[in-house]
């Protein structure tokens, strides 16, 4: 729900900034700074919550999830399912959009806990403070 709220704020700010009303434009710039600060605070919390929610769904398939790193920007999936590169690629393709929306920076796929030669993907996502793209 927070992603929807951030998107709505971003749209309102964009509309106000492109309006002909200078007073409204000034308010939009002020609101943009406030929303950026809220996003910087909330995205790490949202990523942690996403990791816990996904764990609840995947544990029945013996897949563990863990959110780590600076600002909770890395998500790791661990399970025998990821011994196959095809499964890693399929999972990455399936989850790519949602992981990008939550602005994860990196995704690790391990087939067992101590796997040191794991596969990872680096995601090109904007900083947490950057407002969501307007449509």
N, C-alpha and C. Protein backbone atom coordinates (compact mmCIF):
# COMPACT_ATOMS: atom_id res chain seq x y z
N UNK A 1 0.82 -1.19 0.00
CA UNK A 1 0.00 0.00 0.00
C UNK A 1 0.87 1.26 0.00
N UNK A 2 2.02 1.17 0.65
CA UNK A 2 2.90 2.35 0.67
C UNK A 2 3.39 2.69 -0.73
N UNK A 3 3.65 1.66 -1.54
CA UNK A 3 4.09 1.92 -2.91
C UNK A 3 3.01 2.69 -3.68
N UNK A 4 1.76 2.34 -3.45
CA UNK A 4 0.65 3.03 -4.10
C UNK A 4 0.59 4.48 -3.63
N UNK A 5 0.77 4.68 -2.34
CA UNK A 5 0.76 6.03 -1.78
C UNK A 5 1.91 6.86 -2.35
N UNK A 6 3.11 6.29 -2.39
CA UNK A 6 4.25 7.01 -2.96
C UNK A 6 4.00 7.37 -4.42
N UNK A 7 3.39 6.46 -5.14
CA UNK A 7 3.08 6.71 -6.55
C UNK A 7 2.08 7.85 -6.70
N UNK A 8 1.06 7.85 -5.86
CA UNK A 8 0.05 8.91 -5.91
C UNK A 8 0.66 10.26 -5.57
N UNK A 9 1.50 10.29 -4.54
CA UNK A 9 2.18 11.55 -4.18
C UNK A 9 3.06 12.03 -5.32
N UNK A 10 3.76 11.12 -5.93
CA UNK A 10 4.65 11.47 -7.03
C UNK A 10 3.86 12.09 -8.18
N UNK A 11 2.72 11.48 -8.48
CA UNK A 11 1.87 12.01 -9.55
C UNK A 11 1.36 13.41 -9.21
N UNK A 12 0.92 13.60 -7.98
CA UNK A 12 0.43 14.92 -7.56
C UNK A 12 1.54 15.97 -7.63
N UNK A 13 2.71 15.60 -7.19
CA UNK A 13 3.85 16.52 -7.21
C UNK A 13 4.20 16.88 -8.65
N UNK A 14 4.23 15.88 -9.53
CA UNK A 14 4.53 16.12 -10.93
C UNK A 14 3.51 17.04 -11.57
N UNK A 15 2.23 16.81 -11.28
CA UNK A 15 1.17 17.66 -11.83
C UNK A 15 1.31 19.10 -11.34
N UNK A 16 1.60 19.24 -10.05
CA UNK A 16 1.72 20.58 -9.47
C UNK A 16 2.94 21.31 -10.02
N UNK A 17 4.05 20.59 -10.20
CA UNK A 17 5.26 21.22 -10.71
C UNK A 17 5.10 21.69 -12.15
N UNK A 18 4.26 21.01 -12.90
CA UNK A 18 4.07 21.38 -14.30
C UNK A 18 2.87 22.33 -14.50
N UNK A 19 2.24 22.72 -13.41
CA UNK A 19 1.12 23.67 -13.52
C UNK A 19 1.66 25.08 -13.75
N UNK A 20 0.80 25.96 -14.13
CA UNK A 20 1.18 27.35 -14.35
C UNK A 20 1.17 28.20 -13.09
N UNK A 21 0.77 27.63 -11.99
CA UNK A 21 0.64 28.35 -10.72
C UNK A 21 1.96 28.28 -9.95
N UNK A 22 2.65 29.42 -9.81
CA UNK A 22 3.96 29.43 -9.14
C UNK A 22 3.85 29.05 -7.66
N UNK A 23 2.76 29.41 -7.02
CA UNK A 23 2.56 29.04 -5.62
C UNK A 23 2.44 27.53 -5.48
N UNK A 24 1.72 26.94 -6.38
CA UNK A 24 1.54 25.48 -6.38
C UNK A 24 2.88 24.79 -6.69
N UNK A 25 3.64 25.36 -7.58
CA UNK A 25 4.96 24.81 -7.92
C UNK A 25 5.89 24.82 -6.72
N UNK A 26 5.87 25.91 -5.95
CA UNK A 26 6.70 26.01 -4.75
C UNK A 26 6.30 24.96 -3.71
N UNK A 27 4.99 24.78 -3.54
CA UNK A 27 4.49 23.77 -2.60
C UNK A 27 4.90 22.36 -3.06
N UNK A 28 4.88 22.14 -4.36
CA UNK A 28 5.25 20.84 -4.91
C UNK A 28 6.72 20.53 -4.61
N UNK A 29 7.58 21.51 -4.76
CA UNK A 29 9.01 21.32 -4.48
C UNK A 29 9.20 21.00 -3.00
N UNK A 30 8.48 21.70 -2.14
CA UNK A 30 8.56 21.46 -0.69
C UNK A 30 8.07 20.04 -0.35
N UNK A 31 6.95 19.67 -0.95
CA UNK A 31 6.39 18.33 -0.71
C UNK A 31 7.32 17.25 -1.26
N UNK A 32 7.96 17.52 -2.38
CA UNK A 32 8.88 16.55 -2.97
C UNK A 32 10.01 16.21 -1.98
N UNK A 33 10.54 17.20 -1.32
CA UNK A 33 11.59 16.96 -0.32
C UNK A 33 11.09 16.13 0.85
N UNK A 34 9.88 16.41 1.29
CA UNK A 34 9.32 15.66 2.42
C UNK A 34 9.05 14.20 2.04
N UNK A 35 8.51 14.00 0.84
CA UNK A 35 8.23 12.64 0.38
C UNK A 35 9.54 11.86 0.20
N UNK A 36 10.56 12.53 -0.32
CA UNK A 36 11.87 11.88 -0.48
C UNK A 36 12.39 11.39 0.86
N UNK A 37 12.27 12.20 1.91
CA UNK A 37 12.72 11.80 3.24
C UNK A 37 11.91 10.63 3.79
N UNK A 38 10.62 10.66 3.54
CA UNK A 38 9.76 9.56 3.99
C UNK A 38 10.16 8.27 3.26
N UNK A 39 10.38 8.37 1.97
CA UNK A 39 10.78 7.18 1.20
C UNK A 39 12.11 6.63 1.69
N UNK A 40 13.06 7.51 1.99
CA UNK A 40 14.36 7.06 2.48
C UNK A 40 14.22 6.28 3.79
N UNK A 41 13.28 6.69 4.59
CA UNK A 41 13.04 6.02 5.86
C UNK A 41 12.25 4.72 5.67
N UNK A 42 11.28 4.74 4.77
CA UNK A 42 10.35 3.62 4.65
C UNK A 42 10.79 2.49 3.74
N UNK A 43 11.54 2.76 2.67
CA UNK A 43 11.91 1.68 1.76
C UNK A 43 12.69 0.55 2.47
N UNK A 44 13.66 0.84 3.34
CA UNK A 44 14.33 -0.27 4.03
C UNK A 44 13.35 -1.09 4.89
N UNK A 45 12.40 -0.43 5.51
CA UNK A 45 11.40 -1.12 6.33
C UNK A 45 10.51 -1.98 5.43
N UNK A 46 10.11 -1.44 4.29
CA UNK A 46 9.26 -2.17 3.35
C UNK A 46 10.00 -3.39 2.78
N UNK A 47 11.29 -3.24 2.49
CA UNK A 47 12.06 -4.38 1.98
C UNK A 47 12.14 -5.49 3.01
N UNK A 48 12.37 -5.13 4.26
CA UNK A 48 12.42 -6.13 5.34
C UNK A 48 11.07 -6.85 5.44
N UNK A 49 9.98 -6.11 5.40
CA UNK A 49 8.64 -6.70 5.48
C UNK A 49 8.36 -7.60 4.27
N UNK A 50 8.80 -7.19 3.10
CA UNK A 50 8.62 -8.01 1.89
C UNK A 50 9.36 -9.34 2.06
N UNK A 51 10.58 -9.29 2.57
CA UNK A 51 11.34 -10.51 2.79
C UNK A 51 10.63 -11.47 3.72
N UNK A 52 10.04 -10.95 4.78
CA UNK A 52 9.30 -11.79 5.72
C UNK A 52 8.05 -12.38 5.07
N UNK A 53 7.36 -11.57 4.27
CA UNK A 53 6.15 -12.05 3.59
C UNK A 53 6.48 -13.15 2.59
N UNK A 54 7.55 -12.97 1.84
CA UNK A 54 7.97 -13.98 0.87
C UNK A 54 8.40 -15.26 1.58
N UNK A 55 9.08 -15.11 2.69
CA UNK A 55 9.50 -16.28 3.47
C UNK A 55 8.28 -17.12 3.85
N UNK A 56 7.22 -16.47 4.28
CA UNK A 56 6.00 -17.19 4.67
C UNK A 56 5.42 -17.99 3.51
N UNK A 57 5.59 -17.49 2.30
CA UNK A 57 5.07 -18.17 1.11
C UNK A 57 5.99 -19.30 0.65
N UNK A 58 7.29 -19.13 0.80
CA UNK A 58 8.25 -20.07 0.21
C UNK A 58 8.76 -21.16 1.15
N UNK A 59 8.55 -21.01 2.44
CA UNK A 59 9.10 -21.99 3.37
C UNK A 59 8.54 -23.38 3.11
N UNK A 60 7.31 -23.48 2.60
CA UNK A 60 6.72 -24.79 2.31
C UNK A 60 7.49 -25.51 1.20
N UNK A 61 8.23 -24.75 0.39
CA UNK A 61 9.06 -25.32 -0.66
C UNK A 61 10.53 -25.41 -0.24
N UNK A 62 10.77 -25.29 1.06
CA UNK A 62 12.12 -25.36 1.62
C UNK A 62 13.05 -24.29 1.07
N UNK A 63 12.50 -23.12 0.88
CA UNK A 63 13.29 -21.97 0.44
C UNK A 63 13.25 -20.93 1.55
N UNK A 64 14.44 -20.52 1.96
CA UNK A 64 14.55 -19.47 2.97
C UNK A 64 14.84 -18.14 2.30
N UNK A 65 14.37 -17.08 2.90
CA UNK A 65 14.70 -15.74 2.41
C UNK A 65 15.32 -14.96 3.55
N UNK A 66 16.20 -14.06 3.16
CA UNK A 66 16.86 -13.22 4.14
C UNK A 66 17.12 -11.87 3.50
N UNK A 67 16.80 -10.80 4.18
CA UNK A 67 17.07 -9.45 3.69
C UNK A 67 18.21 -8.90 4.51
N UNK A 68 19.27 -8.47 3.83
CA UNK A 68 20.47 -8.03 4.52
C UNK A 68 21.05 -6.79 3.85
N UNK A 69 22.20 -6.41 4.36
CA UNK A 69 22.97 -5.35 3.72
C UNK A 69 22.57 -3.96 4.16
N UNK A 70 23.32 -3.03 3.63
CA UNK A 70 23.09 -1.62 3.91
C UNK A 70 21.68 -1.24 3.47
N UNK A 71 20.90 -0.76 4.41
CA UNK A 71 19.52 -0.32 4.15
C UNK A 71 18.62 -1.45 3.66
N UNK A 72 18.96 -2.70 4.05
CA UNK A 72 18.15 -3.87 3.66
C UNK A 72 18.00 -3.98 2.14
N UNK A 73 19.06 -3.70 1.41
CA UNK A 73 18.97 -3.63 -0.04
C UNK A 73 19.32 -4.93 -0.76
N UNK A 74 19.66 -5.99 -0.01
CA UNK A 74 19.96 -7.28 -0.62
C UNK A 74 18.96 -8.31 -0.12
N UNK A 75 18.41 -9.07 -1.05
CA UNK A 75 17.54 -10.18 -0.67
C UNK A 75 18.21 -11.46 -1.14
N UNK A 76 18.16 -12.46 -0.27
CA UNK A 76 18.81 -13.74 -0.58
C UNK A 76 17.79 -14.86 -0.48
N UNK A 77 17.80 -15.71 -1.48
CA UNK A 77 16.96 -16.90 -1.52
C UNK A 77 17.88 -18.11 -1.42
N UNK A 78 17.57 -19.01 -0.48
CA UNK A 78 18.40 -20.19 -0.27
C UNK A 78 17.52 -21.43 -0.26
N UNK A 79 17.88 -22.39 -1.11
CA UNK A 79 17.15 -23.65 -1.16
C UNK A 79 17.68 -24.54 -2.26
N UNK A 80 17.44 -25.83 -2.13
CA UNK A 80 17.90 -26.80 -3.11
C UNK A 80 17.39 -26.50 -4.52
N UNK A 81 16.27 -25.83 -4.60
CA UNK A 81 15.69 -25.43 -5.89
C UNK A 81 16.69 -24.62 -6.71
N UNK A 82 17.56 -23.92 -6.03
CA UNK A 82 18.50 -23.03 -6.72
C UNK A 82 19.82 -23.71 -7.07
N UNK A 83 19.87 -25.05 -7.01
CA UNK A 83 21.03 -25.77 -7.52
C UNK A 83 21.04 -25.68 -9.05
N UNK A 84 19.88 -25.49 -9.63
CA UNK A 84 19.75 -25.38 -11.09
C UNK A 84 19.81 -23.92 -11.53
N UNK A 85 20.70 -23.62 -12.46
CA UNK A 85 20.78 -22.25 -12.99
C UNK A 85 19.49 -21.84 -13.69
N UNK A 86 18.81 -22.78 -14.31
CA UNK A 86 17.54 -22.47 -14.98
C UNK A 86 16.51 -21.99 -13.97
N UNK A 87 16.49 -22.60 -12.78
CA UNK A 87 15.56 -22.17 -11.74
C UNK A 87 15.90 -20.78 -11.21
N UNK A 88 17.19 -20.50 -11.10
CA UNK A 88 17.61 -19.16 -10.67
C UNK A 88 17.14 -18.12 -11.68
N UNK A 89 17.39 -18.40 -12.94
CA UNK A 89 17.01 -17.45 -13.99
C UNK A 89 15.49 -17.26 -14.05
N UNK A 90 14.75 -18.36 -13.96
CA UNK A 90 13.29 -18.27 -14.01
C UNK A 90 12.75 -17.47 -12.82
N UNK A 91 13.31 -17.71 -11.64
CA UNK A 91 12.88 -16.97 -10.45
C UNK A 91 13.21 -15.49 -10.60
N UNK A 92 14.40 -15.19 -11.10
CA UNK A 92 14.79 -13.80 -11.29
C UNK A 92 13.85 -13.09 -12.27
N UNK A 93 13.52 -13.75 -13.35
CA UNK A 93 12.60 -13.15 -14.34
C UNK A 93 11.22 -12.92 -13.73
N UNK A 94 10.78 -13.85 -12.91
CA UNK A 94 9.47 -13.74 -12.27
C UNK A 94 9.43 -12.60 -11.25
N UNK A 95 10.49 -12.47 -10.47
CA UNK A 95 10.50 -11.51 -9.37
C UNK A 95 11.10 -10.15 -9.73
N UNK A 96 11.68 -10.02 -10.88
CA UNK A 96 12.43 -8.81 -11.24
C UNK A 96 11.63 -7.52 -11.03
N UNK A 97 10.39 -7.48 -11.51
CA UNK A 97 9.60 -6.26 -11.40
C UNK A 97 9.32 -5.87 -9.95
N UNK A 98 8.92 -6.84 -9.14
CA UNK A 98 8.59 -6.52 -7.75
C UNK A 98 9.84 -6.14 -6.96
N UNK A 99 10.95 -6.82 -7.23
CA UNK A 99 12.20 -6.49 -6.53
C UNK A 99 12.67 -5.09 -6.92
N UNK A 100 12.43 -4.72 -8.16
CA UNK A 100 12.77 -3.37 -8.62
C UNK A 100 11.86 -2.34 -7.96
N UNK A 101 10.57 -2.64 -7.84
CA UNK A 101 9.65 -1.70 -7.19
C UNK A 101 10.05 -1.43 -5.75
N UNK A 102 10.53 -2.46 -5.06
CA UNK A 102 10.98 -2.29 -3.68
C UNK A 102 12.41 -1.75 -3.59
N UNK A 103 13.02 -1.55 -4.74
CA UNK A 103 14.35 -0.96 -4.88
C UNK A 103 15.45 -1.76 -4.21
N UNK A 104 15.33 -3.09 -4.31
CA UNK A 104 16.46 -3.93 -3.91
C UNK A 104 17.60 -3.65 -4.86
N UNK A 105 18.81 -3.74 -4.37
CA UNK A 105 20.00 -3.49 -5.19
C UNK A 105 20.64 -4.79 -5.67
N UNK A 106 20.43 -5.86 -4.90
CA UNK A 106 21.09 -7.12 -5.22
C UNK A 106 20.21 -8.29 -4.80
N UNK A 107 20.25 -9.36 -5.59
CA UNK A 107 19.52 -10.59 -5.29
C UNK A 107 20.51 -11.75 -5.34
N UNK A 108 20.58 -12.52 -4.26
CA UNK A 108 21.46 -13.69 -4.19
C UNK A 108 20.61 -14.96 -4.25
N UNK A 109 21.12 -15.96 -4.99
CA UNK A 109 20.48 -17.27 -5.05
C UNK A 109 21.51 -18.32 -4.63
N UNK A 110 21.25 -18.96 -3.49
CA UNK A 110 22.13 -20.01 -2.98
C UNK A 110 21.35 -21.31 -2.92
N UNK A 111 22.04 -22.41 -3.17
CA UNK A 111 21.32 -23.68 -3.05
C UNK A 111 21.51 -24.33 -1.70
N UNK A 112 22.47 -23.83 -0.91
CA UNK A 112 22.57 -24.24 0.49
C UNK A 112 23.21 -23.09 1.26
N UNK A 113 23.04 -23.11 2.54
CA UNK A 113 23.41 -21.98 3.41
C UNK A 113 24.86 -21.52 3.24
N UNK A 114 25.79 -22.44 3.10
CA UNK A 114 27.21 -22.08 3.06
C UNK A 114 27.77 -22.03 1.64
N UNK A 115 26.91 -21.92 0.68
CA UNK A 115 27.31 -21.83 -0.74
C UNK A 115 28.11 -20.54 -0.95
N UNK A 116 29.39 -20.69 -1.27
CA UNK A 116 30.23 -19.50 -1.47
C UNK A 116 30.32 -19.09 -2.94
N UNK A 117 29.87 -19.94 -3.84
CA UNK A 117 29.89 -19.63 -5.27
C UNK A 117 28.46 -19.46 -5.77
N UNK A 118 27.73 -18.63 -5.11
CA UNK A 118 26.32 -18.43 -5.42
C UNK A 118 26.15 -17.48 -6.60
N UNK A 119 24.97 -17.50 -7.17
CA UNK A 119 24.63 -16.60 -8.26
C UNK A 119 23.97 -15.36 -7.69
N UNK A 120 24.31 -14.22 -8.25
CA UNK A 120 23.65 -12.99 -7.81
C UNK A 120 23.34 -12.12 -9.02
N UNK A 121 22.35 -11.29 -8.85
CA UNK A 121 21.97 -10.30 -9.85
C UNK A 121 22.02 -8.93 -9.20
N UNK A 122 22.57 -7.97 -9.91
CA UNK A 122 22.59 -6.59 -9.45
C UNK A 122 21.45 -5.87 -10.15
N UNK A 123 20.63 -5.18 -9.37
CA UNK A 123 19.49 -4.46 -9.93
C UNK A 123 19.82 -2.98 -10.03
N UNK A 124 19.46 -2.39 -11.13
CA UNK A 124 19.68 -0.96 -11.34
C UNK A 124 18.42 -0.21 -10.91
N UNK A 125 18.36 0.10 -9.63
CA UNK A 125 17.19 0.77 -9.09
C UNK A 125 17.59 2.16 -8.58
N UNK A 126 16.65 3.09 -8.60
CA UNK A 126 16.98 4.43 -8.12
C UNK A 126 17.18 4.45 -6.61
N UNK A 127 17.85 5.49 -6.11
CA UNK A 127 17.99 5.66 -4.66
C UNK A 127 16.60 5.74 -4.00
N UNK A 128 16.54 5.36 -2.74
CA UNK A 128 15.27 5.35 -2.01
C UNK A 128 14.57 6.71 -2.02
N UNK A 129 15.33 7.78 -2.02
CA UNK A 129 14.75 9.13 -1.96
C UNK A 129 14.23 9.65 -3.28
N UNK A 130 14.50 8.95 -4.37
CA UNK A 130 14.01 9.40 -5.67
C UNK A 130 12.53 9.05 -5.80
N UNK A 131 11.72 10.02 -6.14
CA UNK A 131 10.29 9.77 -6.27
C UNK A 131 10.02 8.75 -7.35
N UNK A 132 8.95 7.99 -7.17
CA UNK A 132 8.58 6.98 -8.15
C UNK A 132 8.31 7.65 -9.50
N UNK A 133 8.62 6.93 -10.55
CA UNK A 133 8.42 7.45 -11.91
C UNK A 133 6.93 7.75 -12.12
N UNK A 134 6.68 8.83 -12.77
CA UNK A 134 5.30 9.24 -13.04
C UNK A 134 4.89 8.68 -14.39
N UNK A 135 3.64 8.31 -14.47
CA UNK A 135 3.12 7.70 -15.71
C UNK A 135 2.32 8.71 -16.49
